[in-house]
C-alpha cells in the first residue's frame, strides 16, 4: 500500500501544490531502503532503528571511541548500549555501508 503526500504553499506566483507517492513502510527492511540515499550507512541505520524501536538509556555505557564522528551521537550510544549495534573494538564507523544481514539484525531488535 502506498500513500500520497501533498504539500501546498503560497508564493508571489500563486499557490503551488507538490505531491509524491511514499512507499509503504510497514516492514523494517522497506523503511531502511526508503531512508537510504544511495548506500545505507551505519549512522543512518542507527537513526532508523531508534525511530522504530523502543530503546532506553542504560546505566552503563559502551565505550565508543568514534562517537564524535557520528551525526547522532546520543542515538548511536543508546543503540549500542542496547546491543542493537556493536562498536568493533570501540569504533562505530558511522560512514561504513551496512549489509542486508546487518539491516535485518538491527531492525529486529
PDB file of N, CA and C in Angstrom:
ATOM      1  N   UNK A   1       0.850  -1.172   0.000  1.00  0.00           N
ATOM      2  CA  UNK A   1       0.000   0.000   0.000  1.00  0.00           C
ATOM      3  C   UNK A   1       0.892   1.231   0.000  1.00  0.00           C
ATOM      4  N   UNK A   2       0.614   2.153  -0.871  1.00  0.00           N
ATOM      5  CA  UNK A   2       1.365   3.398  -0.947  1.00  0.00           C
ATOM      6  C   UNK A   2       0.500   4.536  -0.463  1.00  0.00           C
ATOM      7  N   UNK A   3       1.123   5.557   0.060  1.00  0.00           N
ATOM      8  CA  UNK A   3       0.416   6.744   0.498  1.00  0.00           C
ATOM      9  C   UNK A   3       0.796   7.917  -0.370  1.00  0.00           C
ATOM     10  N   UNK A   4      -0.009   8.926  -0.358  1.00  0.00           N
ATOM     11  CA  UNK A   4       0.267  10.115  -1.159  1.00  0.00           C
ATOM     12  C   UNK A   4       0.373  11.297  -0.213  1.00  0.00           C
ATOM     13  N   UNK A   5       1.398  12.082  -0.363  1.00  0.00           N
ATOM     14  CA  UNK A   5       1.614  13.260   0.463  1.00  0.00           C
ATOM     15  C   UNK A   5       1.532  14.481  -0.436  1.00  0.00           C
ATOM     16  N   UNK A   6       0.811  15.475   0.013  1.00  0.00           N
ATOM     17  CA  UNK A   6       0.716  16.733  -0.734  1.00  0.00           C
ATOM     18  C   UNK A   6       1.130  17.876   0.170  1.00  0.00           C
ATOM     19  N   UNK A   7       1.876  18.792  -0.385  1.00  0.00           N
ATOM     20  CA  UNK A   7       2.284  19.990   0.344  1.00  0.00           C
ATOM     21  C   UNK A   7       1.864  21.183  -0.491  1.00  0.00           C
ATOM     22  N   UNK A   8       1.143  22.075   0.126  1.00  0.00           N
ATOM     23  CA  UNK A   8       0.718  23.297  -0.566  1.00  0.00           C
ATOM     24  C   UNK A   8       1.453  24.472   0.036  1.00  0.00           C
ATOM     25  N   UNK A   9       1.788  25.436  -0.801  1.00  0.00           N
ATOM     26  CA  UNK A   9       2.416  26.648  -0.285  1.00  0.00           C
ATOM     27  C   UNK A   9       1.990  27.817  -1.162  1.00  0.00           C
ATOM     28  N   UNK A  10       1.935  28.934  -0.551  1.00  0.00           N
ATOM     29  CA  UNK A  10       1.587  30.154  -1.272  1.00  0.00           C
ATOM     30  C   UNK A  10       2.855  30.961  -1.513  1.00  0.00           C
ATOM     31  N   UNK A  11       2.948  31.516  -2.674  1.00  0.00           N
ATOM     32  CA  UNK A  11       4.083  32.366  -3.003  1.00  0.00           C
ATOM     33  C   UNK A  11       3.574  33.523  -3.840  1.00  0.00           C
ATOM     34  N   UNK A  12       4.464  34.372  -4.231  1.00  0.00           N
ATOM     35  CA  UNK A  12       4.054  35.525  -5.040  1.00  0.00           C
ATOM     36  C   UNK A  12       3.496  35.099  -6.398  1.00  0.00           C
ATOM     37  N   UNK A  13       3.958  33.941  -6.878  1.00  0.00           N
ATOM     38  CA  UNK A  13       3.457  33.460  -8.166  1.00  0.00           C
ATOM     39  C   UNK A  13       2.112  32.755  -8.018  1.00  0.00           C
ATOM     40  N   UNK A  14       1.633  32.572  -6.819  1.00  0.00           N
ATOM     41  CA  UNK A  14       0.364  31.884  -6.593  1.00  0.00           C
ATOM     42  C   UNK A  14       0.572  30.609  -5.798  1.00  0.00           C
ATOM     43  N   UNK A  15      -0.514  29.926  -5.561  1.00  0.00           N
ATOM     44  CA  UNK A  15      -0.462  28.688  -4.778  1.00  0.00           C
ATOM     45  C   UNK A  15       0.131  27.564  -5.611  1.00  0.00           C
ATOM     46  N   UNK A  16       0.934  26.748  -4.981  1.00  0.00           N
ATOM     47  CA  UNK A  16       1.534  25.588  -5.630  1.00  0.00           C
ATOM     48  C   UNK A  16       1.299  24.374  -4.749  1.00  0.00           C
ATOM     49  N   UNK A  17       1.054  23.269  -5.373  1.00  0.00           N
ATOM     50  CA  UNK A  17       0.914  22.018  -4.641  1.00  0.00           C
ATOM     51  C   UNK A  17       1.898  21.024  -5.225  1.00  0.00           C
ATOM     52  N   UNK A  18       2.686  20.449  -4.364  1.00  0.00           N
ATOM     53  CA  UNK A  18       3.602  19.390  -4.762  1.00  0.00           C
ATOM     54  C   UNK A  18       3.121  18.106  -4.111  1.00  0.00           C
ATOM     55  N   UNK A  19       3.162  17.025  -4.829  1.00  0.00           N
ATOM     56  CA  UNK A  19       2.767  15.755  -4.234  1.00  0.00           C
ATOM     57  C   UNK A  19       3.645  14.648  -4.772  1.00  0.00           C
ATOM     58  N   UNK A  20       3.774  13.608  -4.000  1.00  0.00           N
ATOM     59  CA  UNK A  20       4.555  12.462  -4.406  1.00  0.00           C
ATOM     60  C   UNK A  20       4.031  11.236  -3.681  1.00  0.00           C
ATOM     61  N   UNK A  21       4.351  10.082  -4.205  1.00  0.00           N
ATOM     62  CA  UNK A  21       3.917   8.826  -3.608  1.00  0.00           C
ATOM     63  C   UNK A  21       5.001   8.329  -2.669  1.00  0.00           C
ATOM     64  N   UNK A  22       4.582   7.922  -1.498  1.00  0.00           N
ATOM     65  CA  UNK A  22       5.501   7.407  -0.494  1.00  0.00           C
ATOM     66  C   UNK A  22       5.341   5.894  -0.443  1.00  0.00           C
ATOM     67  N   UNK A  23       6.421   5.130  -0.552  1.00  0.00           N
ATOM     68  CA  UNK A  23       6.295   3.680  -0.497  1.00  0.00           C
ATOM     69  C   UNK A  23       5.816   3.222   0.873  1.00  0.00           C
ATOM     70  N   UNK A  24       5.146   2.112   0.899  1.00  0.00           N
ATOM     71  CA  UNK A  24       4.689   1.538   2.153  1.00  0.00           C
ATOM     72  C   UNK A  24       5.890   1.253   3.048  1.00  0.00           C
ATOM     73  N   UNK A  25       5.787   1.626   4.300  1.00  0.00           N
ATOM     74  CA  UNK A  25       6.898   1.436   5.231  1.00  0.00           C
ATOM     75  C   UNK A  25       6.502   0.482   6.350  1.00  0.00           C
ATOM     76  N   UNK A  26       5.671  -0.515   6.019  1.00  0.00           N
ATOM     77  CA  UNK A  26       5.193  -1.408   7.058  1.00  0.00           C
ATOM     78  C   UNK A  26       6.217  -2.450   7.479  1.00  0.00           C
ATOM     79  N   UNK A  27       7.319  -2.567   6.783  1.00  0.00           N
ATOM     80  CA  UNK A  27       8.348  -3.506   7.201  1.00  0.00           C
ATOM     81  C   UNK A  27       9.648  -2.748   7.454  1.00  0.00           C
ATOM     82  N   UNK A  28      10.438  -3.198   8.426  1.00  0.00           N
ATOM     83  CA  UNK A  28      11.711  -2.528   8.721  1.00  0.00           C
ATOM     84  C   UNK A  28      12.645  -2.468   7.520  1.00  0.00           C
ATOM     85  N   UNK A  29      12.668  -3.514   6.723  1.00  0.00           N
ATOM     86  CA  UNK A  29      13.569  -3.519   5.574  1.00  0.00           C
ATOM     87  C   UNK A  29      13.187  -2.440   4.580  1.00  0.00           C
ATOM     88  N   UNK A  30      11.893  -2.269   4.339  1.00  0.00           N
ATOM     89  CA  UNK A  30      11.460  -1.237   3.407  1.00  0.00           C
ATOM     90  C   UNK A  30      11.751   0.156   3.950  1.00  0.00           C
ATOM     91  N   UNK A  31      11.627   0.339   5.267  1.00  0.00           N
ATOM     92  CA  UNK A  31      11.955   1.639   5.845  1.00  0.00           C
ATOM     93  C   UNK A  31      13.429   1.940   5.638  1.00  0.00           C
ATOM     94  N   UNK A  32      14.265   0.952   5.885  1.00  0.00           N
ATOM     95  CA  UNK A  32      15.702   1.156   5.729  1.00  0.00           C
ATOM     96  C   UNK A  32      16.045   1.517   4.295  1.00  0.00           C
ATOM     97  N   UNK A  33      15.431   0.842   3.344  1.00  0.00           N
ATOM     98  CA  UNK A  33      15.688   1.135   1.941  1.00  0.00           C
ATOM     99  C   UNK A  33      15.174   2.516   1.576  1.00  0.00           C
ATOM    100  N   UNK A  34      13.991   2.886   2.097  1.00  0.00           N
ATOM    101  CA  UNK A  34      13.408   4.190   1.789  1.00  0.00           C
ATOM    102  C   UNK A  34      14.258   5.328   2.343  1.00  0.00           C
ATOM    103  N   UNK A  35      14.902   5.120   3.477  1.00  0.00           N
ATOM    104  CA  UNK A  35      15.702   6.174   4.088  1.00  0.00           C
ATOM    105  C   UNK A  35      17.077   6.316   3.448  1.00  0.00           C
ATOM    106  N   UNK A  36      17.487   5.315   2.702  1.00  0.00           N
ATOM    107  CA  UNK A  36      18.826   5.336   2.125  1.00  0.00           C
ATOM    108  C   UNK A  36      18.881   6.239   0.906  1.00  0.00           C
ATOM    109  N   UNK A  37      19.838   7.111   0.891  1.00  0.00           N
ATOM    110  CA  UNK A  37      20.128   7.919  -0.293  1.00  0.00           C
ATOM    111  C   UNK A  37      21.358   7.295  -0.924  1.00  0.00           C
ATOM    112  N   UNK A  38      21.142   6.274  -1.692  1.00  0.00           N
ATOM    113  CA  UNK A  38      22.267   5.509  -2.201  1.00  0.00           C
ATOM    114  C   UNK A  38      22.555   4.409  -1.208  1.00  0.00           C
ATOM    115  N   UNK A  39      23.783   4.329  -0.723  1.00  0.00           N
ATOM    116  CA  UNK A  39      24.156   3.297   0.230  1.00  0.00           C
ATOM    117  C   UNK A  39      23.707   3.679   1.635  1.00  0.00           C
ATOM    118  N   UNK A  40      23.254   2.693   2.386  1.00  0.00           N
ATOM    119  CA  UNK A  40      22.809   2.919   3.756  1.00  0.00           C
ATOM    120  C   UNK A  40      24.008   2.787   4.690  1.00  0.00           C
ATOM    121  N   UNK A  41      24.272   3.832   5.457  1.00  0.00           N
ATOM    122  CA  UNK A  41      25.414   3.821   6.376  1.00  0.00           C
ATOM    123  C   UNK A  41      24.969   3.360   7.752  1.00  0.00           C
ATOM    124  N   UNK A  42      25.943   3.019   8.579  1.00  0.00           N
ATOM    125  CA  UNK A  42      25.657   2.605   9.960  1.00  0.00           C
ATOM    126  C   UNK A  42      24.977   3.740  10.725  1.00  0.00           C
ATOM    127  N   UNK A  43      25.380   4.962  10.468  1.00  0.00           N
ATOM    128  CA  UNK A  43      24.794   6.119  11.145  1.00  0.00           C
ATOM    129  C   UNK A  43      23.301   6.260  10.796  1.00  0.00           C
ATOM    130  N   UNK A  44      22.970   6.148   9.500  1.00  0.00           N
ATOM    131  CA  UNK A  44      21.568   6.245   9.076  1.00  0.00           C
ATOM    132  C   UNK A  44      20.738   5.084   9.608  1.00  0.00           C
ATOM    133  N   UNK A  45      21.312   3.888   9.607  1.00  0.00           N
ATOM    134  CA  UNK A  45      20.590   2.728  10.114  1.00  0.00           C
ATOM    135  C   UNK A  45      20.332   2.850  11.614  1.00  0.00           C
ATOM    136  N   UNK A  46      21.291   3.377  12.350  1.00  0.00           N
ATOM    137  CA  UNK A  46      21.091   3.584  13.789  1.00  0.00           C
ATOM    138  C   UNK A  46      19.926   4.531  14.040  1.00  0.00           C
ATOM    139  N   UNK A  47      19.860   5.599  13.268  1.00  0.00           N
ATOM    140  CA  UNK A  47      18.769   6.565  13.419  1.00  0.00           C
ATOM    141  C   UNK A  47      17.425   5.921  13.073  1.00  0.00           C
ATOM    142  N   UNK A  48      17.374   5.136  12.010  1.00  0.00           N
ATOM    143  CA  UNK A  48      16.139   4.457  11.612  1.00  0.00           C
ATOM    144  C   UNK A  48      15.676   3.478  12.688  1.00  0.00           C
ATOM    145  N   UNK A  49      16.618   2.700  13.213  1.00  0.00           N
ATOM    146  CA  UNK A  49      16.281   1.725  14.256  1.00  0.00           C
ATOM    147  C   UNK A  49      15.785   2.431  15.512  1.00  0.00           C
ATOM    148  N   UNK A  50      16.406   3.543  15.855  1.00  0.00           N
ATOM    149  CA  UNK A  50      15.995   4.291  17.047  1.00  0.00           C
ATOM    150  C   UNK A  50      14.573   4.820  16.898  1.00  0.00           C
ATOM    151  N   UNK A  51      14.242   5.308  15.724  1.00  0.00           N
ATOM    152  CA  UNK A  51      12.898   5.840  15.474  1.00  0.00           C
ATOM    153  C   UNK A  51      11.856   4.731  15.581  1.00  0.00           C
ATOM    154  N   UNK A  52      12.179   3.557  15.058  1.00  0.00           N
ATOM    155  CA  UNK A  52      11.223   2.453  15.031  1.00  0.00           C
ATOM    156  C   UNK A  52      11.153   1.663  16.329  1.00  0.00           C
ATOM    157  N   UNK A  53      12.247   1.632  17.062  1.00  0.00           N
ATOM    158  CA  UNK A  53      12.320   0.761  18.225  1.00  0.00           C
ATOM    159  C   UNK A  53      11.995   1.461  19.528  1.00  0.00           C
ATOM    160  N   UNK A  54      12.112   0.687  20.583  1.00  0.00           N
ATOM    161  CA  UNK A  54      11.915   1.210  21.935  1.00  0.00           C
ATOM    162  C   UNK A  54      13.203   0.957  22.708  1.00  0.00           C
ATOM    163  N   UNK A  55      14.067   1.935  22.693  1.00  0.00           N
ATOM    164  CA  UNK A  55      15.353   1.824  23.353  1.00  0.00           C
ATOM    165  C   UNK A  55      15.395   2.784  24.532  1.00  0.00           C
ATOM    166  N   UNK A  56      16.057   2.364  25.584  1.00  0.00           N
ATOM    167  CA  UNK A  56      16.164   3.187  26.785  1.00  0.00           C
ATOM    168  C   UNK A  56      17.628   3.451  27.104  1.00  0.00           C
ATOM    169  N   UNK A  57      17.860   4.549  27.806  1.00  0.00           N
ATOM    170  CA  UNK A  57      19.209   4.819  28.297  1.00  0.00           C
ATOM    171  C   UNK A  57      19.588   3.728  29.277  1.00  0.00           C
ATOM    172  N   UNK A  58      20.817   3.272  29.199  1.00  0.00           N
ATOM    173  CA  UNK A  58      21.308   2.236  30.096  1.00  0.00           C
ATOM    174  C   UNK A  58      22.222   2.876  31.131  1.00  0.00           C
ATOM    175  N   UNK A  59      22.321   2.231  32.288  1.00  0.00           N
ATOM    176  CA  UNK A  59      23.177   2.770  33.348  1.00  0.00           C
ATOM    177  C   UNK A  59      24.646   2.717  32.960  1.00  0.00           C
ATOM    178  N   UNK A  60      25.033   1.644  32.274  1.00  0.00           N
ATOM    179  CA  UNK A  60      26.418   1.516  31.842  1.00  0.00           C
ATOM    180  C   UNK A  60      26.484   1.725  30.344  1.00  0.00           C
ATOM    181  N   UNK A  61      27.451   2.514  29.918  1.00  0.00           N
ATOM    182  CA  UNK A  61      27.609   2.821  28.502  1.00  0.00           C
ATOM    183  C   UNK A  61      28.799   2.091  27.917  1.00  0.00           C
ATOM    184  N   UNK A  62      28.594   1.579  26.700  1.00  0.00           N
ATOM    185  CA  UNK A  62      29.692   1.002  25.942  1.00  0.00           C
ATOM    186  C   UNK A  62      30.601   2.141  25.501  1.00  0.00           C
ATOM    187  N   UNK A  63      31.906   1.950  25.630  1.00  0.00           N
ATOM    188  CA  UNK A  63      32.836   2.992  25.207  1.00  0.00           C
ATOM    189  C   UNK A  63      32.950   2.981  23.690  1.00  0.00           C
ATOM    190  N   UNK A  64      32.635   4.124  23.075  1.00  0.00           N
ATOM    191  CA  UNK A  64      32.707   4.252  21.626  1.00  0.00           C
ATOM    192  C   UNK A  64      33.682   5.379  21.310  1.00  0.00           C
ATOM    193  N   UNK A  65      34.833   5.019  20.781  1.00  0.00           N
ATOM    194  CA  UNK A  65      35.883   5.994  20.529  1.00  0.00           C
ATOM    195  C   UNK A  65      35.551   6.939  19.380  1.00  0.00           C
ATOM    196  N   UNK A  66      34.770   6.469  18.410  1.00  0.00           N
ATOM    197  CA  UNK A  66      34.462   7.283  17.230  1.00  0.00           C
ATOM    198  C   UNK A  66      33.115   7.988  17.337  1.00  0.00           C
ATOM    199  N   UNK A  67      32.611   8.172  18.537  1.00  0.00           N
ATOM    200  CA  UNK A  67      31.296   8.784  18.733  1.00  0.00           C
ATOM    201  C   UNK A  67      31.237  10.208  18.184  1.00  0.00           C
ATOM    202  N   UNK A  68      32.347  10.916  18.235  1.00  0.00           N
ATOM    203  CA  UNK A  68      32.377  12.292  17.729  1.00  0.00           C
ATOM    204  C   UNK A  68      32.226  12.371  16.210  1.00  0.00           C
ATOM    205  N   UNK A  69      32.375  11.253  15.508  1.00  0.00           N
ATOM    206  CA  UNK A  69      32.206  11.225  14.046  1.00  0.00           C
ATOM    207  C   UNK A  69      30.759  10.969  13.631  1.00  0.00           C
ATOM    208  N   UNK A  70      29.912  10.650  14.585  1.00  0.00           N
ATOM    209  CA  UNK A  70      28.511  10.311  14.299  1.00  0.00           C
ATOM    210  C   UNK A  70      27.656  11.570  14.284  1.00  0.00           C
ATOM    211  N   UNK A  71      26.730  11.640  13.341  1.00  0.00           N
ATOM    212  CA  UNK A  71      25.840  12.800  13.285  1.00  0.00           C
ATOM    213  C   UNK A  71      24.808  12.767  14.392  1.00  0.00           C
ATOM    214  N   UNK A  72      24.538  11.591  14.928  1.00  0.00           N
ATOM    215  CA  UNK A  72      23.572  11.426  16.016  1.00  0.00           C
ATOM    216  C   UNK A  72      24.233  10.655  17.155  1.00  0.00           C
ATOM    217  N   UNK A  73      25.184  11.274  17.817  1.00  0.00           N
ATOM    218  CA  UNK A  73      25.992  10.557  18.806  1.00  0.00           C
ATOM    219  C   UNK A  73      25.174   9.975  19.956  1.00  0.00           C
ATOM    220  N   UNK A  74      24.156  10.686  20.419  1.00  0.00           N
ATOM    221  CA  UNK A  74      23.333  10.153  21.518  1.00  0.00           C
ATOM    222  C   UNK A  74      22.552   8.928  21.072  1.00  0.00           C
ATOM    223  N   UNK A  75      22.012   8.974  19.865  1.00  0.00           N
ATOM    224  CA  UNK A  75      21.272   7.829  19.336  1.00  0.00           C
ATOM    225  C   UNK A  75      22.201   6.632  19.173  1.00  0.00           C
ATOM    226  N   UNK A  76      23.379   6.848  18.621  1.00  0.00           N
ATOM    227  CA  UNK A  76      24.337   5.755  18.428  1.00  0.00           C
ATOM    228  C   UNK A  76      24.714   5.151  19.768  1.00  0.00           C
ATOM    229  N   UNK A  77      24.937   5.991  20.780  1.00  0.00           N
ATOM    230  CA  UNK A  77      25.290   5.478  22.107  1.00  0.00           C
ATOM    231  C   UNK A  77      24.173   4.606  22.669  1.00  0.00           C
ATOM    232  N   UNK A  78      22.937   5.064  22.563  1.00  0.00           N
ATOM    233  CA  UNK A  78      21.797   4.303  23.086  1.00  0.00           C
ATOM    234  C   UNK A  78      21.622   2.991  22.327  1.00  0.00           C
ATOM    235  N   UNK A  79      21.738   3.038  21.006  1.00  0.00           N
ATOM    236  CA  UNK A  79      21.590   1.832  20.183  1.00  0.00           C
ATOM    237  C   UNK A  79      22.657   0.798  20.547  1.00  0.00           C
ATOM    238  N   UNK A  80      23.894   1.233  20.707  1.00  0.00           N
ATOM    239  CA  UNK A  80      24.976   0.312  21.070  1.00  0.00           C
ATOM    240  C   UNK A  80      24.797  -0.221  22.486  1.00  0.00           C
ATOM    241  N   UNK A  81      24.370   0.636  23.399  1.00  0.00           N
ATOM    242  CA  UNK A  81      24.154   0.205  24.784  1.00  0.00           C
ATOM    243  C   UNK A  81      23.047  -0.834  24.893  1.00  0.00           C
ATOM    244  N   UNK A  82      22.100  -0.812  23.963  1.00  0.00           N
ATOM    245  CA  UNK A  82      21.002  -1.780  23.954  1.00  0.00           C
ATOM    246  C   UNK A  82      21.310  -2.997  23.068  1.00  0.00           C
ATOM    247  N   UNK A  83      22.558  -3.128  22.646  1.00  0.00           N
ATOM    248  CA  UNK A  83      23.047  -4.274  21.878  1.00  0.00           C
ATOM    249  C   UNK A  83      22.369  -4.473  20.526  1.00  0.00           C
ATOM    250  N   UNK A  84      21.840  -3.406  19.942  1.00  0.00           N
ATOM    251  CA  UNK A  84      21.293  -3.495  18.598  1.00  0.00           C
ATOM    252  C   UNK A  84      22.393  -3.302  17.568  1.00  0.00           C
ATOM    253  N   UNK A  85      23.465  -2.657  17.966  1.00  0.00           N
ATOM    254  CA  UNK A  85      24.631  -2.422  17.118  1.00  0.00           C
ATOM    255  C   UNK A  85      25.859  -2.675  17.967  1.00  0.00           C
ATOM    256  N   UNK A  86      26.953  -2.964  17.331  1.00  0.00           N
ATOM    257  CA  UNK A  86      28.196  -3.101  18.069  1.00  0.00           C
ATOM    258  C   UNK A  86      29.223  -2.129  17.522  1.00  0.00           C
ATOM    259  N   UNK A  87      30.058  -1.668  18.400  1.00  0.00           N
ATOM    260  CA  UNK A  87      31.203  -0.845  18.015  1.00  0.00           C
ATOM    261  C   UNK A  87      32.406  -1.777  18.081  1.00  0.00           C
ATOM    262  N   UNK A  88      32.891  -2.171  16.927  1.00  0.00           N
ATOM    263  CA  UNK A  88      34.002  -3.127  16.863  1.00  0.00           C
ATOM    264  C   UNK A  88      35.259  -2.494  17.425  1.00  0.00           C
ATOM    265  N   UNK A  89      35.728  -3.049  18.526  1.00  0.00           N
ATOM    266  CA  UNK A  89      36.916  -2.544  19.213  1.00  0.00           C
ATOM    267  C   UNK A  89      36.763  -1.065  19.564  1.00  0.00           C
ATOM    268  N   UNK A  90      35.533  -0.666  19.902  1.00  0.00           N
ATOM    269  CA  UNK A  90      35.272   0.711  20.295  1.00  0.00           C
ATOM    270  C   UNK A  90      35.087   1.687  19.146  1.00  0.00           C
ATOM    271  N   UNK A  91      35.125   1.193  17.920  1.00  0.00           N
ATOM    272  CA  UNK A  91      34.967   2.048  16.740  1.00  0.00           C
ATOM    273  C   UNK A  91      33.612   1.743  16.101  1.00  0.00           C
ATOM    274  N   UNK A  92      32.785   2.753  15.935  1.00  0.00           N
ATOM    275  CA  UNK A  92      31.453   2.568  15.354  1.00  0.00           C
ATOM    276  C   UNK A  92      31.459   2.635  13.831  1.00  0.00           C
ATOM    277  N   UNK A  93      32.366   3.374  13.234  1.00  0.00           N
ATOM    278  CA  UNK A  93      32.445   3.546  11.774  1.00  0.00           C
ATOM    279  C   UNK A  93      31.114   4.013  11.191  1.00  0.00           C
ATOM    280  N   UNK A  94      30.689   5.230  11.494  1.00  0.00           N
ATOM    281  CA  UNK A  94      29.366   5.696  11.078  1.00  0.00           C
ATOM    282  C   UNK A  94      29.152   5.770   9.571  1.00  0.00           C
ATOM    283  N   UNK A  95      30.199   5.960   8.792  1.00  0.00           N
ATOM    284  CA  UNK A  95      30.049   6.083   7.339  1.00  0.00           C
ATOM    285  C   UNK A  95      30.201   4.755   6.601  1.00  0.00           C
ATOM    286  N   UNK A  96      30.433   3.679   7.336  1.00  0.00           N
ATOM    287  CA  UNK A  96      30.567   2.360   6.712  1.00  0.00           C
ATOM    288  C   UNK A  96      29.209   1.902   6.190  1.00  0.00           C
ATOM    289  N   UNK A  97      29.189   1.341   4.996  1.00  0.00           N
ATOM    290  CA  UNK A  97      27.957   0.832   4.397  1.00  0.00           C
ATOM    291  C   UNK A  97      27.583  -0.482   5.066  1.00  0.00           C
ATOM    292  N   UNK A  98      26.284  -0.636   5.364  1.00  0.00           N
ATOM    293  CA  UNK A  98      25.815  -1.855   6.012  1.00  0.00           C
ATOM    294  C   UNK A  98      25.350  -2.873   4.973  1.00  0.00           C
ATOM    295  N   UNK A  99      25.359  -4.124   5.372  1.00  0.00           N
ATOM    296  CA  UNK A  99      24.886  -5.205   4.508  1.00  0.00           C
ATOM    297  C   UNK A  99      23.413  -5.471   4.814  1.00  0.00           C
ATOM    298  N   UNK A 100      22.763  -6.230   3.944  1.00  0.00           N
ATOM    299  CA  UNK A 100      21.374  -6.607   4.196  1.00  0.00           C
ATOM    300  C   UNK A 100      21.241  -7.377   5.499  1.00  0.00           C
ATOM    301  N   UNK A 101      22.198  -8.245   5.798  1.00  0.00           N
ATOM    302  CA  UNK A 101      22.165  -9.011   7.038  1.00  0.00           C
ATOM    303  C   UNK A 101      22.193  -8.091   8.254  1.00  0.00           C
ATOM    304  N   UNK A 102      23.025  -7.045   8.211  1.00  0.00           N
ATOM    305  CA  UNK A 102      23.094  -6.098   9.327  1.00  0.00           C
ATOM    306  C   UNK A 102      21.786  -5.333   9.473  1.00  0.00           C
ATOM    307  N   UNK A 103      21.173  -4.968   8.348  1.00  0.00           N
ATOM    308  CA  UNK A 103      19.885  -4.252   8.398  1.00  0.00           C
ATOM    309  C   UNK A 103      18.856  -5.107   9.111  1.00  0.00           C
ATOM    310  N   UNK A 104      18.728  -6.361   8.716  1.00  0.00           N
ATOM    311  CA  UNK A 104      17.738  -7.246   9.328  1.00  0.00           C
ATOM    312  C   UNK A 104      18.031  -7.491  10.795  1.00  0.00           C
ATOM    313  N   UNK A 105      19.305  -7.652  11.151  1.00  0.00           N
ATOM    314  CA  UNK A 105      19.674  -7.878  12.549  1.00  0.00           C
ATOM    315  C   UNK A 105      19.284  -6.682  13.419  1.00  0.00           C
ATOM    316  N   UNK A 106      19.617  -5.496  12.976  1.00  0.00           N
ATOM    317  CA  UNK A 106      19.335  -4.282  13.748  1.00  0.00           C
ATOM    318  C   UNK A 106      17.838  -4.028  13.842  1.00  0.00           C
ATOM    319  N   UNK A 107      17.132  -4.180  12.733  1.00  0.00           N
ATOM    320  CA  UNK A 107      15.716  -3.855  12.716  1.00  0.00           C
ATOM    321  C   UNK A 107      14.857  -4.837  13.503  1.00  0.00           C
ATOM    322  N   UNK A 108      15.321  -6.038  13.733  1.00  0.00           N
ATOM    323  CA  UNK A 108      14.505  -6.977  14.511  1.00  0.00           C
ATOM    324  C   UNK A 108      14.744  -6.843  16.014  1.00  0.00           C
ATOM    325  N   UNK A 109      15.684  -6.015  16.417  1.00  0.00           N
ATOM    326  CA  UNK A 109      15.957  -5.802  17.862  1.00  0.00           C
ATOM    327  C   UNK A 109      14.860  -5.057  18.534  1.00  0.00           C
TER     328      UNK A 109
END
